[in-house]
Amino acid sequence: MCRNIKNLFNFDPPVTSEEIHASSLQFVRKISGCNKPSKANEAAFQTAVDEVTAISTRLLRSLETSAPPKNREEEAAKAKARSAERYGT
């Protein structure tokens, strides 16, 4: 899985539509193998991003959990610590 695609479920405050779109864009970039599509592929690329965004939004809105919401700052700190351990920075 692409490291830039982050877990978006069960956070307080809840995920925003911009965060869902950004993750969808990263996903489409990853599977298409291009960061910026050519003019010939631009419409298909944008359609894919829009469709993945819509599906992801529906998925996130329909999921349920009994776990307490995760704190964004705590999760970011954990990720930073894992990165520092992994890369020695």
C-alpha atoms as a PDB file:
ATOM      1  CA  MET A   1       0.000   0.000   0.000  1.00  0.00           C
ATOM      2  CA  CYS A   2       1.155   3.509  -0.747  1.00  0.00           C
ATOM      3  CA  ARG A   3       2.554   5.182   2.355  1.00  0.00           C
ATOM      4  CA  ASN A   4       0.872   8.457   1.412  1.00  0.00           C
ATOM      5  CA  ILE A   5      -2.599   6.952   1.711  1.00  0.00           C
ATOM      6  CA  LYS A   6      -3.617   7.329   5.336  1.00  0.00           C
ATOM      7  CA  ASN A   7      -6.237   5.588   7.438  1.00  0.00           C
ATOM      8  CA  LEU A   8      -9.301   7.851   7.429  1.00  0.00           C
ATOM      9  CA  PHE A   9     -11.762   5.929   9.578  1.00  0.00           C
ATOM     10  CA  ASN A  10     -12.693   6.619  13.193  1.00  0.00           C
ATOM     11  CA  PHE A  11     -10.968   9.917  13.871  1.00  0.00           C
ATOM     12  CA  ASP A  12     -12.031  12.842  15.989  1.00  0.00           C
ATOM     13  CA  PRO A  13     -12.690  15.237  14.331  1.00  0.00           C
ATOM     14  CA  PRO A  14     -14.115  13.164  11.467  1.00  0.00           C
ATOM     15  CA  VAL A  15     -12.444  13.020   8.092  1.00  0.00           C
ATOM     16  CA  THR A  16     -13.145  15.883   5.694  1.00  0.00           C
ATOM     17  CA  SER A  17     -14.136  15.625   2.042  1.00  0.00           C
ATOM     18  CA  GLU A  18     -10.789  17.220   1.131  1.00  0.00           C
ATOM     19  CA  GLU A  19      -8.899  14.441   2.951  1.00  0.00           C
ATOM     20  CA  ILE A  20     -10.940  11.780   1.177  1.00  0.00           C
ATOM     21  CA  HIS A  21     -10.276  13.441  -2.182  1.00  0.00           C
ATOM     22  CA  ALA A  22      -6.528  13.709  -1.467  1.00  0.00           C
ATOM     23  CA  SER A  23      -6.331  10.006  -0.590  1.00  0.00           C
ATOM     24  CA  SER A  24      -8.339   9.122  -3.691  1.00  0.00           C
ATOM     25  CA  LEU A  25      -5.961  11.150  -5.838  1.00  0.00           C
ATOM     26  CA  GLN A  26      -2.966   9.338  -4.309  1.00  0.00           C
ATOM     27  CA  PHE A  27      -4.643   5.977  -4.955  1.00  0.00           C
ATOM     28  CA  VAL A  28      -5.356   6.762  -8.616  1.00  0.00           C
ATOM     29  CA  ARG A  29      -1.818   8.086  -9.062  1.00  0.00           C
ATOM     30  CA  LYS A  30      -0.423   4.898  -7.580  1.00  0.00           C
ATOM     31  CA  ILE A  31      -2.440   2.457  -9.672  1.00  0.00           C
ATOM     32  CA  SER A  32      -2.113   4.474 -12.898  1.00  0.00           C
ATOM     33  CA  GLY A  33       1.620   4.940 -12.460  1.00  0.00           C
ATOM     34  CA  CYS A  34       1.496   8.638 -13.293  1.00  0.00           C
ATOM     35  CA  ASN A  35       1.593  11.711 -11.130  1.00  0.00           C
ATOM     36  CA  LYS A  36       0.048  13.978 -13.760  1.00  0.00           C
ATOM     37  CA  PRO A  37      -1.829  12.400 -16.657  1.00  0.00           C
ATOM     38  CA  SER A  38      -1.335  13.403 -20.274  1.00  0.00           C
ATOM     39  CA  LYS A  39      -4.003  15.538 -21.941  1.00  0.00           C
ATOM     40  CA  ALA A  40      -5.324  12.389 -23.638  1.00  0.00           C
ATOM     41  CA  ASN A  41      -5.813  10.661 -20.276  1.00  0.00           C
ATOM     42  CA  GLU A  42      -6.802  13.647 -18.151  1.00  0.00           C
ATOM     43  CA  ALA A  43     -10.580  13.071 -18.342  1.00  0.00           C
ATOM     44  CA  ALA A  44     -10.303   9.374 -17.494  1.00  0.00           C
ATOM     45  CA  PHE A  45      -7.908  10.163 -14.645  1.00  0.00           C
ATOM     46  CA  GLN A  46     -10.225  12.804 -13.145  1.00  0.00           C
ATOM     47  CA  THR A  47     -13.260  10.535 -13.535  1.00  0.00           C
ATOM     48  CA  ALA A  48     -11.414   7.806 -11.654  1.00  0.00           C
ATOM     49  CA  VAL A  49     -10.485  10.215  -8.845  1.00  0.00           C
ATOM     50  CA  ASP A  50     -14.091  11.403  -8.577  1.00  0.00           C
ATOM     51  CA  GLU A  51     -15.464   7.851  -8.517  1.00  0.00           C
ATOM     52  CA  VAL A  52     -12.945   6.646  -5.918  1.00  0.00           C
ATOM     53  CA  THR A  53     -13.758   9.716  -3.805  1.00  0.00           C
ATOM     54  CA  ALA A  54     -17.504   8.987  -3.961  1.00  0.00           C
ATOM     55  CA  ILE A  55     -17.079   5.303  -3.146  1.00  0.00           C
ATOM     56  CA  SER A  56     -14.652   6.051  -0.312  1.00  0.00           C
ATOM     57  CA  THR A  57     -17.034   8.627   1.147  1.00  0.00           C
ATOM     58  CA  ARG A  58     -19.901   6.129   1.114  1.00  0.00           C
ATOM     59  CA  LEU A  59     -17.688   3.481   2.696  1.00  0.00           C
ATOM     60  CA  LEU A  60     -16.451   5.741   5.490  1.00  0.00           C
ATOM     61  CA  ARG A  61     -19.975   6.978   6.246  1.00  0.00           C
ATOM     62  CA  SER A  62     -21.333   3.424   6.456  1.00  0.00           C
ATOM     63  CA  LEU A  63     -18.638   1.871   8.673  1.00  0.00           C
ATOM     64  CA  GLU A  64     -19.402   1.346  12.349  1.00  0.00           C
ATOM     65  CA  THR A  65     -17.150   0.658  15.309  1.00  0.00           C
ATOM     66  CA  SER A  66     -17.404   0.392  19.055  1.00  0.00           C
ATOM     67  CA  ALA A  67     -13.816   1.625  19.458  1.00  0.00           C
ATOM     68  CA  PRO A  68     -13.318   5.165  20.680  1.00  0.00           C
ATOM     69  CA  PRO A  69     -12.271   7.680  18.000  1.00  0.00           C
ATOM     70  CA  LYS A  70      -8.534   8.090  17.466  1.00  0.00           C
ATOM     71  CA  ASN A  71      -6.873  11.416  18.170  1.00  0.00           C
ATOM     72  CA  ARG A  72      -5.234  12.874  15.069  1.00  0.00           C
ATOM     73  CA  GLU A  73      -2.313  14.431  16.924  1.00  0.00           C
ATOM     74  CA  GLU A  74      -1.520  11.226  18.816  1.00  0.00           C
ATOM     75  CA  GLU A  75      -1.652   9.153  15.624  1.00  0.00           C
ATOM     76  CA  ALA A  76       0.592  11.656  13.818  1.00  0.00           C
ATOM     77  CA  ALA A  77       3.107  11.503  16.670  1.00  0.00           C
ATOM     78  CA  LYS A  78       3.112   7.692  16.547  1.00  0.00           C
ATOM     79  CA  ALA A  79       3.689   7.751  12.779  1.00  0.00           C
ATOM     80  CA  LYS A  80       6.536  10.234  13.179  1.00  0.00           C
ATOM     81  CA  ALA A  81       8.147   8.040  15.837  1.00  0.00           C
ATOM     82  CA  ARG A  82       7.845   4.948  13.607  1.00  0.00           C
ATOM     83  CA  SER A  83       9.388   6.880  10.726  1.00  0.00           C
ATOM     84  CA  ALA A  84      12.268   8.105  12.878  1.00  0.00           C
ATOM     85  CA  GLU A  85      12.941   4.543  14.045  1.00  0.00           C
ATOM     86  CA  ARG A  86      12.719   3.165  10.502  1.00  0.00           C
ATOM     87  CA  TYR A  87      14.890   5.801   8.853  1.00  0.00           C
ATOM     88  CA  GLY A  88      17.052   6.815  11.798  1.00  0.00           C
ATOM     89  CA  THR A  89      16.203  10.497  11.667  1.00  0.00           C
END
